[in-house]
N, C-alpha and C. Protein backbone atom coordinates (compact mmCIF):
# COMPACT_ATOMS: atom_id res chain seq x y z
N UNK A 1 0.81 -1.24 0.08
CA UNK A 1 0.01 -0.19 -0.22
C UNK A 1 0.60 1.25 0.03
N UNK A 2 0.92 2.28 -0.78
CA UNK A 2 1.29 3.44 -1.26
C UNK A 2 1.13 4.24 0.00
N UNK A 3 2.10 5.04 0.39
CA UNK A 3 1.82 5.84 1.57
C UNK A 3 0.87 7.13 1.61
N UNK A 4 0.53 7.47 0.31
CA UNK A 4 -0.55 8.58 0.03
C UNK A 4 -2.08 7.53 0.74
N UNK A 5 -2.35 6.18 0.20
CA UNK A 5 -3.53 5.84 0.60
C UNK A 5 -3.63 5.48 2.08
N UNK A 6 -2.17 5.23 2.69
CA UNK A 6 -1.89 4.85 4.18
C UNK A 6 -2.24 6.31 4.77
N UNK A 7 -1.30 7.19 4.60
CA UNK A 7 -1.93 8.70 4.76
C UNK A 7 -3.30 9.01 4.98
N UNK A 8 -4.28 8.69 4.20
CA UNK A 8 -6.11 8.82 3.95
C UNK A 8 -6.49 7.93 4.89
N UNK A 9 -5.65 6.58 5.14
CA UNK A 9 -6.85 5.89 5.81
C UNK A 9 -6.31 6.23 7.21
N UNK A 10 -5.29 6.50 7.81
CA UNK A 10 -4.99 7.11 8.88
C UNK A 10 -5.83 8.30 9.15
N UNK A 11 -5.83 8.98 8.17
CA UNK A 11 -6.55 10.16 8.95
C UNK A 11 -8.32 9.97 9.16
N UNK A 12 -8.38 8.78 8.27
CA UNK A 12 -10.05 8.61 8.66
C UNK A 12 -9.89 7.56 9.86
N UNK A 13 -8.72 6.68 9.95
CA UNK A 13 -9.04 5.92 11.30
C UNK A 13 -9.07 7.26 12.56
N UNK A 14 -8.16 8.82 12.45
CA UNK A 14 -8.45 9.26 13.10
C UNK A 14 -9.53 9.96 13.85
N UNK A 15 -10.32 10.19 12.48
CA UNK A 15 -11.60 10.68 12.48
C UNK A 15 -12.73 10.07 12.88
N UNK A 16 -12.75 8.67 12.90
CA UNK A 16 -13.30 7.66 13.88
C UNK A 16 -13.08 7.55 14.95
N UNK A 17 -12.00 7.73 15.39
CA UNK A 17 -11.54 7.69 17.03
C UNK A 17 -12.03 8.70 17.80
N UNK A 18 -11.69 9.92 16.70
CA UNK A 18 -12.23 11.37 17.53
C UNK A 18 -13.59 10.92 17.81
N UNK A 19 -14.27 10.67 16.73
CA UNK A 19 -16.18 10.44 16.64
C UNK A 19 -16.26 9.74 17.72
N UNK A 20 -15.55 8.44 17.91
CA UNK A 20 -15.70 7.73 18.95
C UNK A 20 -16.00 8.50 20.19
N UNK A 21 -14.95 8.84 20.46
CA UNK A 21 -15.02 9.58 21.86
C UNK A 21 -16.10 11.27 21.84
N UNK A 22 -16.54 11.39 20.89
CA UNK A 22 -17.25 12.58 20.83
C UNK A 22 -18.48 12.25 20.92
N UNK A 23 -19.09 10.66 20.54
CA UNK A 23 -20.38 10.20 20.30
C UNK A 23 -20.46 9.79 22.04
N UNK A 24 -19.64 9.51 22.57
CA UNK A 24 -19.64 9.32 24.20
C UNK A 24 -20.03 10.51 24.98
N UNK A 25 -19.51 11.55 24.75
CA UNK A 25 -19.68 12.89 24.93
C UNK A 25 -21.10 13.18 25.48
N UNK A 26 -21.30 12.96 23.46
CA UNK A 26 -22.71 13.17 23.28
C UNK A 26 -23.90 12.40 24.16
N UNK A 27 -23.64 11.13 24.02
CA UNK A 27 -24.34 10.14 24.72
C UNK A 27 -24.44 10.27 26.08
N UNK A 28 -23.39 10.84 26.86
CA UNK A 28 -23.78 11.39 28.15
C UNK A 28 -24.10 12.46 28.60
N UNK A 29 -23.94 13.25 27.86
CA UNK A 29 -24.47 15.03 27.82
C UNK A 29 -25.98 15.52 27.29
N UNK A 30 -26.14 14.39 26.22
CA UNK A 30 -27.64 14.87 25.59
C UNK A 30 -28.74 15.28 26.69
N UNK A 31 -29.19 16.11 26.71
CA UNK A 31 -30.62 16.65 26.83
C UNK A 31 -31.65 16.95 26.35
N UNK A 32 -32.83 16.76 26.75
CA UNK A 32 -34.07 17.35 26.50
C UNK A 32 -35.29 16.37 25.93
N UNK A 33 -36.03 17.10 24.56
CA UNK A 33 -37.08 15.50 24.50
C UNK A 33 -36.50 14.60 23.90
N UNK A 34 -37.17 13.29 23.69
CA UNK A 34 -36.49 12.58 23.46
C UNK A 34 -35.34 11.94 23.94
N UNK A 35 -34.77 12.18 25.01
CA UNK A 35 -33.66 11.74 25.26
C UNK A 35 -33.17 10.36 25.40
N UNK A 36 -33.96 9.44 26.05
CA UNK A 36 -34.06 8.07 25.91
C UNK A 36 -33.60 7.67 24.57
N UNK A 37 -34.50 7.81 23.92
CA UNK A 37 -34.07 7.47 22.33
C UNK A 37 -32.71 7.93 21.84
N UNK A 38 -32.43 9.20 22.16
CA UNK A 38 -31.32 9.91 21.16
C UNK A 38 -30.46 9.22 21.87
N UNK A 39 -30.37 9.02 23.35
CA UNK A 39 -29.42 8.44 24.28
C UNK A 39 -28.77 7.34 23.64
N UNK A 40 -29.93 6.07 23.63
CA UNK A 40 -29.56 4.83 23.15
C UNK A 40 -28.54 4.78 21.76
N UNK A 41 -29.40 5.67 20.81
CA UNK A 41 -28.83 5.65 19.61
C UNK A 41 -27.49 5.98 19.41
N UNK A 42 -27.14 7.17 20.38
CA UNK A 42 -25.58 7.57 20.26
C UNK A 42 -25.00 6.28 20.63
N UNK A 43 -25.34 5.59 21.61
CA UNK A 43 -24.86 4.58 22.30
C UNK A 43 -24.29 3.50 20.98
N UNK A 44 -25.83 3.05 20.01
CA UNK A 44 -25.14 2.16 19.13
C UNK A 44 -24.57 2.83 18.18
N UNK A 45 -24.04 3.83 17.94
CA UNK A 45 -23.25 4.75 16.85
C UNK A 45 -21.95 4.34 17.54
N UNK A 46 -21.55 4.88 19.05
CA UNK A 46 -20.15 4.52 19.38
C UNK A 46 -19.93 3.25 19.14
N UNK A 47 -20.87 2.19 19.28
CA UNK A 47 -20.27 0.50 19.40
C UNK A 47 -20.08 0.52 17.68
N UNK A 48 -21.00 0.97 16.89
CA UNK A 48 -20.21 0.72 15.27
C UNK A 48 -19.32 1.56 14.98
N UNK A 49 -18.91 2.51 15.29
CA UNK A 49 -17.46 2.90 15.25
C UNK A 49 -16.44 2.12 15.98
N UNK A 50 -16.68 1.81 16.98
CA UNK A 50 -15.64 0.88 17.49
C UNK A 50 -15.29 -0.36 16.20
N UNK A 51 -16.22 -0.69 16.06
CA UNK A 51 -16.15 -1.84 15.20
C UNK A 51 -15.18 -1.51 13.75
N UNK A 52 -16.02 -0.12 13.33
CA UNK A 52 -14.97 0.25 11.83
C UNK A 52 -13.89 0.58 12.17
N UNK A 53 -13.45 1.11 13.52
CA UNK A 53 -11.96 1.73 13.64
C UNK A 53 -11.15 0.42 13.89
N UNK A 54 -11.69 -0.71 14.13
CA UNK A 54 -10.98 -1.88 14.47
C UNK A 54 -10.55 -2.72 13.15
N UNK A 55 -11.72 -2.45 11.82
CA UNK A 55 -11.67 -3.49 11.02
C UNK A 55 -10.90 -2.54 9.61
N UNK A 56 -10.63 -1.13 9.98
CA UNK A 56 -9.80 -0.16 8.85
C UNK A 56 -8.37 -0.60 9.47
N UNK A 57 -8.34 -0.29 10.73
CA UNK A 57 -6.65 -0.61 11.43
C UNK A 57 -5.78 -1.65 11.10
N UNK A 58 -7.27 -2.99 11.24
CA UNK A 58 -6.54 -4.55 10.56
C UNK A 58 -6.12 -4.22 9.63
N UNK A 59 -6.68 -3.97 8.67
CA UNK A 59 -6.24 -3.77 7.02
C UNK A 59 -5.31 -3.20 7.00
N UNK A 60 -4.57 -2.15 7.75
CA UNK A 60 -3.53 -1.48 7.47
C UNK A 60 -2.61 -2.42 7.95
N UNK A 61 -2.74 -3.20 9.02
CA UNK A 61 -2.12 -4.12 9.73
C UNK A 61 -1.56 -5.32 8.48
N UNK A 62 -2.64 -5.76 8.14
CA UNK A 62 -2.30 -6.94 7.20
C UNK A 62 -1.33 -6.34 5.86
N UNK A 63 -1.71 -5.29 5.93
CA UNK A 63 -0.49 -4.61 4.73
C UNK A 63 0.70 -4.31 5.13
N UNK A 64 1.07 -4.60 6.39
CA UNK A 64 2.31 -4.49 7.07
C UNK A 64 2.32 -3.03 7.14
N UNK A 65 1.68 -1.97 7.19
CA UNK A 65 1.70 -0.87 7.76
C UNK A 65 1.25 -0.61 9.23
N UNK A 66 1.54 0.71 9.93
CA UNK A 66 0.64 1.04 10.92
C UNK A 66 -0.41 1.74 10.93
N UNK A 67 -1.65 1.46 11.83
CA UNK A 67 -2.59 2.37 12.08
C UNK A 67 -2.57 3.26 13.37
N UNK A 68 -2.68 4.59 12.75
CA UNK A 68 -2.68 5.55 13.40
C UNK A 68 -3.21 5.11 15.10
N UNK A 69 -2.93 5.23 16.14
CA UNK A 69 -3.36 4.11 17.65
C UNK A 69 -3.16 5.25 18.84
N UNK A 70 -3.11 6.26 18.87
CA UNK A 70 -2.80 6.96 20.00
C UNK A 70 -4.07 8.16 19.89
N UNK A 71 -4.33 8.76 21.02
CA UNK A 71 -5.00 9.74 21.20
C UNK A 71 -4.30 11.27 20.68
N UNK A 72 -3.06 11.04 20.94
CA UNK A 72 -2.46 12.20 20.13
C UNK A 72 -2.20 11.95 18.28
N UNK A 73 -1.83 10.98 17.93
CA UNK A 73 -2.29 11.08 16.78
C UNK A 73 -3.34 11.23 16.09
N UNK A 74 -4.39 10.84 16.95
CA UNK A 74 -5.60 11.33 16.22
C UNK A 74 -6.19 12.66 16.12
N UNK A 75 -5.48 13.34 17.25
CA UNK A 75 -5.79 14.76 17.53
C UNK A 75 -5.01 15.88 16.63
N UNK A 76 -3.74 15.00 15.90
CA UNK A 76 -2.92 15.54 15.16
C UNK A 76 -3.57 15.42 13.67
N UNK A 77 -4.16 14.06 13.71
CA UNK A 77 -4.43 13.73 11.82
C UNK A 77 -6.20 14.37 11.69
N UNK A 78 -6.75 14.20 12.86
CA UNK A 78 -8.63 14.57 12.33
C UNK A 78 -8.82 15.66 11.84
N UNK A 79 -9.77 15.59 11.31
CA UNK A 79 -10.65 16.85 11.07
C UNK A 79 -11.86 17.22 11.66
N UNK A 80 -12.26 16.10 12.26
CA UNK A 80 -13.45 16.20 13.15
C UNK A 80 -12.83 16.88 14.39
N UNK A 81 -13.61 17.52 15.03
CA UNK A 81 -13.67 18.38 16.29
C UNK A 81 -13.68 18.09 17.10
N UNK A 82 -13.27 18.19 18.47
CA UNK A 82 -13.53 17.57 19.69
C UNK A 82 -14.82 18.39 20.20
N UNK A 83 -15.40 18.05 21.31
CA UNK A 83 -16.42 19.24 21.63
C UNK A 83 -16.53 18.93 23.43
N UNK A 84 -16.77 20.08 24.02
CA UNK A 84 -16.40 20.30 25.33
C UNK A 84 -17.72 19.60 25.92
N UNK A 85 -17.07 19.06 27.25
CA UNK A 85 -18.49 18.63 27.99
C UNK A 85 -19.45 19.65 28.51
N UNK A 86 -20.44 19.04 28.58
CA UNK A 86 -21.77 19.80 28.98
C UNK A 86 -22.66 19.36 28.19
N UNK A 87 -24.47 19.70 28.68
CA UNK A 87 -25.48 19.79 28.68
C UNK A 87 -25.73 19.72 26.68
N UNK A 88 -26.36 19.37 26.33
CA UNK A 88 -26.22 19.65 24.73
C UNK A 88 -27.71 19.27 24.26
N UNK A 89 -28.60 19.98 23.96
CA UNK A 89 -29.93 19.79 23.37
C UNK A 89 -29.87 18.61 22.26
N UNK A 90 -30.97 17.80 22.45
CA UNK A 90 -31.04 16.82 21.70
C UNK A 90 -30.93 16.99 19.95
N UNK A 91 -31.80 18.02 19.49
CA UNK A 91 -31.42 18.66 18.28
C UNK A 91 -29.75 19.23 17.68
N UNK A 92 -29.04 19.70 18.55
CA UNK A 92 -27.85 19.92 18.18
C UNK A 92 -26.83 18.89 18.17
N UNK A 93 -27.22 17.81 19.24
CA UNK A 93 -26.44 16.17 19.31
C UNK A 93 -26.55 15.67 17.84
N UNK A 94 -27.84 15.58 17.53
CA UNK A 94 -27.81 15.28 16.23
C UNK A 94 -27.37 16.36 14.80
N UNK A 95 -27.28 17.38 14.89
CA UNK A 95 -26.63 17.86 13.92
C UNK A 95 -25.28 17.88 14.25
N UNK A 96 -24.62 17.59 14.76
CA UNK A 96 -23.23 17.09 15.15
C UNK A 96 -23.05 16.06 14.43
N UNK A 97 -23.79 15.01 15.02
CA UNK A 97 -23.54 13.40 14.75
C UNK A 97 -23.70 13.81 12.89
N UNK A 98 -24.82 14.41 12.77
CA UNK A 98 -24.83 14.53 11.20
C UNK A 98 -23.86 15.04 10.45
N UNK A 99 -22.87 16.03 10.55
CA UNK A 99 -22.29 16.84 9.90
C UNK A 99 -20.99 15.91 10.08
N UNK A 100 -20.52 15.29 11.11
CA UNK A 100 -19.56 14.40 11.18
C UNK A 100 -19.51 13.41 10.07
N UNK A 101 -20.67 12.64 10.44
CA UNK A 101 -21.22 11.19 9.95
C UNK A 101 -21.02 11.97 8.32
N UNK A 102 -21.06 12.79 8.03
CA UNK A 102 -21.29 12.93 6.29
C UNK A 102 -19.66 13.45 5.84
N UNK A 103 -18.93 13.89 6.93
CA UNK A 103 -17.32 13.87 6.60
C UNK A 103 -16.80 12.84 6.55
N UNK A 104 -17.14 11.57 7.35
CA UNK A 104 -16.73 10.41 7.43
C UNK A 104 -17.18 9.98 5.95
N UNK A 105 -18.38 9.87 5.84
CA UNK A 105 -18.90 9.17 4.46
C UNK A 105 -17.83 9.99 3.38
N UNK A 106 -17.80 11.25 2.93
CA UNK A 106 -17.10 11.50 2.13
C UNK A 106 -15.60 10.93 1.90
N UNK A 107 -15.03 10.84 3.25
CA UNK A 107 -13.86 10.44 3.38
C UNK A 107 -13.49 9.15 2.97
N UNK A 108 -14.54 8.34 3.29
CA UNK A 108 -14.46 7.15 2.81
C UNK A 108 -14.76 6.71 1.54
N UNK A 109 -15.66 7.82 1.00
CA UNK A 109 -15.75 7.40 -0.44
C UNK A 109 -14.71 8.02 -1.07
N UNK A 110 -13.35 8.93 -0.55
CA UNK A 110 -12.39 9.11 -1.31
C UNK A 110 -10.91 8.17 -1.17
N UNK A 111 -11.39 7.57 -0.12
CA UNK A 111 -10.33 6.25 0.22
C UNK A 111 -10.84 4.84 -0.60
N UNK A 112 -12.20 5.21 -1.12
CA UNK A 112 -12.48 3.73 -1.83
C UNK A 112 -12.15 4.53 -3.46
N UNK A 113 -12.33 5.74 -3.72
CA UNK A 113 -11.68 5.35 -5.08
C UNK A 113 -10.27 5.48 -5.42
N UNK A 114 -9.53 6.17 -4.13
CA UNK A 114 -8.03 5.73 -4.17
C UNK A 114 -7.75 4.38 -4.29
N UNK A 115 -8.25 3.41 -3.17
CA UNK A 115 -7.92 2.09 -3.19
C UNK A 115 -8.48 1.11 -4.50
N UNK A 116 -9.32 1.69 -5.34
CA UNK A 116 -10.01 1.46 -6.17
C UNK A 116 -8.71 1.63 -7.35
N UNK A 117 -7.72 2.38 -7.28
CA UNK A 117 -7.22 2.95 -8.48
C UNK A 117 -5.67 1.97 -7.97
N UNK A 118 -5.79 1.61 -6.77
CA UNK A 118 -4.34 1.19 -6.30
C UNK A 118 -4.57 -0.42 -6.52
N UNK A 119 -5.79 -0.90 -6.66
CA UNK A 119 -5.80 -2.00 -6.82
C UNK A 119 -6.14 -3.00 -5.49
N UNK A 120 -6.58 -2.09 -4.22
CA UNK A 120 -6.75 -2.97 -3.04
C UNK A 120 -8.33 -3.19 -3.12
N UNK A 121 -8.55 -3.96 -3.38
CA UNK A 121 -10.35 -4.58 -3.52
C UNK A 121 -10.69 -4.80 -2.35
N UNK A 122 -10.22 -5.31 -1.52
CA UNK A 122 -10.66 -5.53 -0.11
C UNK A 122 -10.86 -3.92 0.68
N UNK A 123 -10.02 -2.89 0.41
CA UNK A 123 -10.49 -1.75 0.97
C UNK A 123 -11.56 -1.05 0.23
N UNK A 124 -11.65 -1.26 -0.93
CA UNK A 124 -12.82 -0.76 -2.02
C UNK A 124 -14.34 -1.28 -1.06
N UNK A 125 -14.23 -2.60 -1.24
CA UNK A 125 -15.15 -3.11 -0.68
C UNK A 125 -15.63 -2.85 0.69
N UNK A 126 -14.76 -2.77 1.77
CA UNK A 126 -14.66 -2.17 3.06
C UNK A 126 -15.37 -0.84 3.16
N UNK A 127 -14.81 -0.19 2.21
CA UNK A 127 -15.15 1.63 2.35
C UNK A 127 -16.75 1.32 1.61
N UNK A 128 -16.82 0.54 0.46
CA UNK A 128 -18.23 0.48 -0.09
C UNK A 128 -19.38 0.28 1.41
N UNK A 129 -18.98 -0.67 2.07
CA UNK A 129 -19.91 -1.10 3.02
C UNK A 129 -20.11 -0.03 3.83
N UNK A 130 -18.92 0.39 4.29
CA UNK A 130 -19.34 1.84 5.39
C UNK A 130 -19.73 2.85 4.57
N UNK A 131 -19.68 3.20 3.17
CA UNK A 131 -20.61 4.20 2.71
C UNK A 131 -21.89 3.94 2.89
N UNK A 132 -21.99 2.92 2.86
CA UNK A 132 -23.51 2.17 2.91
C UNK A 132 -24.25 2.34 4.15
N UNK A 133 -23.77 2.19 4.97
CA UNK A 133 -24.13 2.16 6.30
C UNK A 133 -24.41 3.81 6.77
N UNK A 134 -23.07 4.86 6.31
CA UNK A 134 -23.21 6.10 6.75
C UNK A 134 -24.54 6.30 6.27
N UNK A 135 -24.58 6.20 4.97
CA UNK A 135 -26.02 6.46 4.20
C UNK A 135 -26.80 6.45 4.78
N UNK A 136 -27.33 5.15 5.48
CA UNK A 136 -28.41 4.89 6.21
C UNK A 136 -28.65 5.55 7.70
N UNK A 137 -27.72 5.79 8.00
CA UNK A 137 -27.56 6.40 9.52
C UNK A 137 -28.13 7.99 9.21
N UNK A 138 -27.23 8.71 8.10
CA UNK A 138 -27.53 9.93 7.61
C UNK A 138 -29.22 10.12 7.31
N UNK A 139 -29.85 9.01 6.66
CA UNK A 139 -31.16 8.73 6.53
C UNK A 139 -31.87 9.03 8.01
N UNK A 140 -31.42 8.12 9.14
CA UNK A 140 -32.08 8.13 10.19
C UNK A 140 -31.91 9.38 10.62
N UNK A 141 -30.73 10.03 11.05
CA UNK A 141 -30.65 11.75 11.76
C UNK A 141 -31.12 12.25 11.14
N UNK A 142 -30.94 12.37 9.52
CA UNK A 142 -32.04 13.63 8.98
C UNK A 142 -33.18 13.81 9.05
N UNK A 143 -33.91 12.16 9.19
CA UNK A 143 -35.25 11.83 9.51
C UNK A 143 -35.84 12.41 10.87
N UNK A 144 -34.81 12.30 11.86
CA UNK A 144 -35.02 12.71 13.35
C UNK A 144 -35.08 14.35 13.25
N UNK A 145 -34.37 14.95 12.45
CA UNK A 145 -34.06 16.36 12.69
C UNK A 145 -35.19 17.35 11.82
N UNK A 146 -36.39 16.26 11.04
CA UNK A 146 -37.30 16.94 10.45
C UNK A 146 -38.12 17.36 11.70
């Protein structure tokens, strides 16, 4: 795997890692109408992000590369911004989730394209699966925001 693709994948890993922590923050601090439903939904999201993080990192290891694996690396590489602790209203929490997830979906699409050019078909398949899941979750969140 070429360095440029490794760098894209590590930035993606960093964004997933920061999102994982951020989703915990939202889960713990969301308030307002529909608290219980959103609280539980956020938990399901961070559980799924943990699986994505592991799957993508293991792909790099299978390619003989090292995945970003520290909070310091995540914060240096990530485009997703941390969120301060404090009460966050349901609608605001969902908008944060939507925006970050859209960024992840676009990043996965970029990696998918680069992986296709590099002939890394297992990474292409992985990104296509993740893009499909992001699309579904974006629909869910978008529907909750209506």
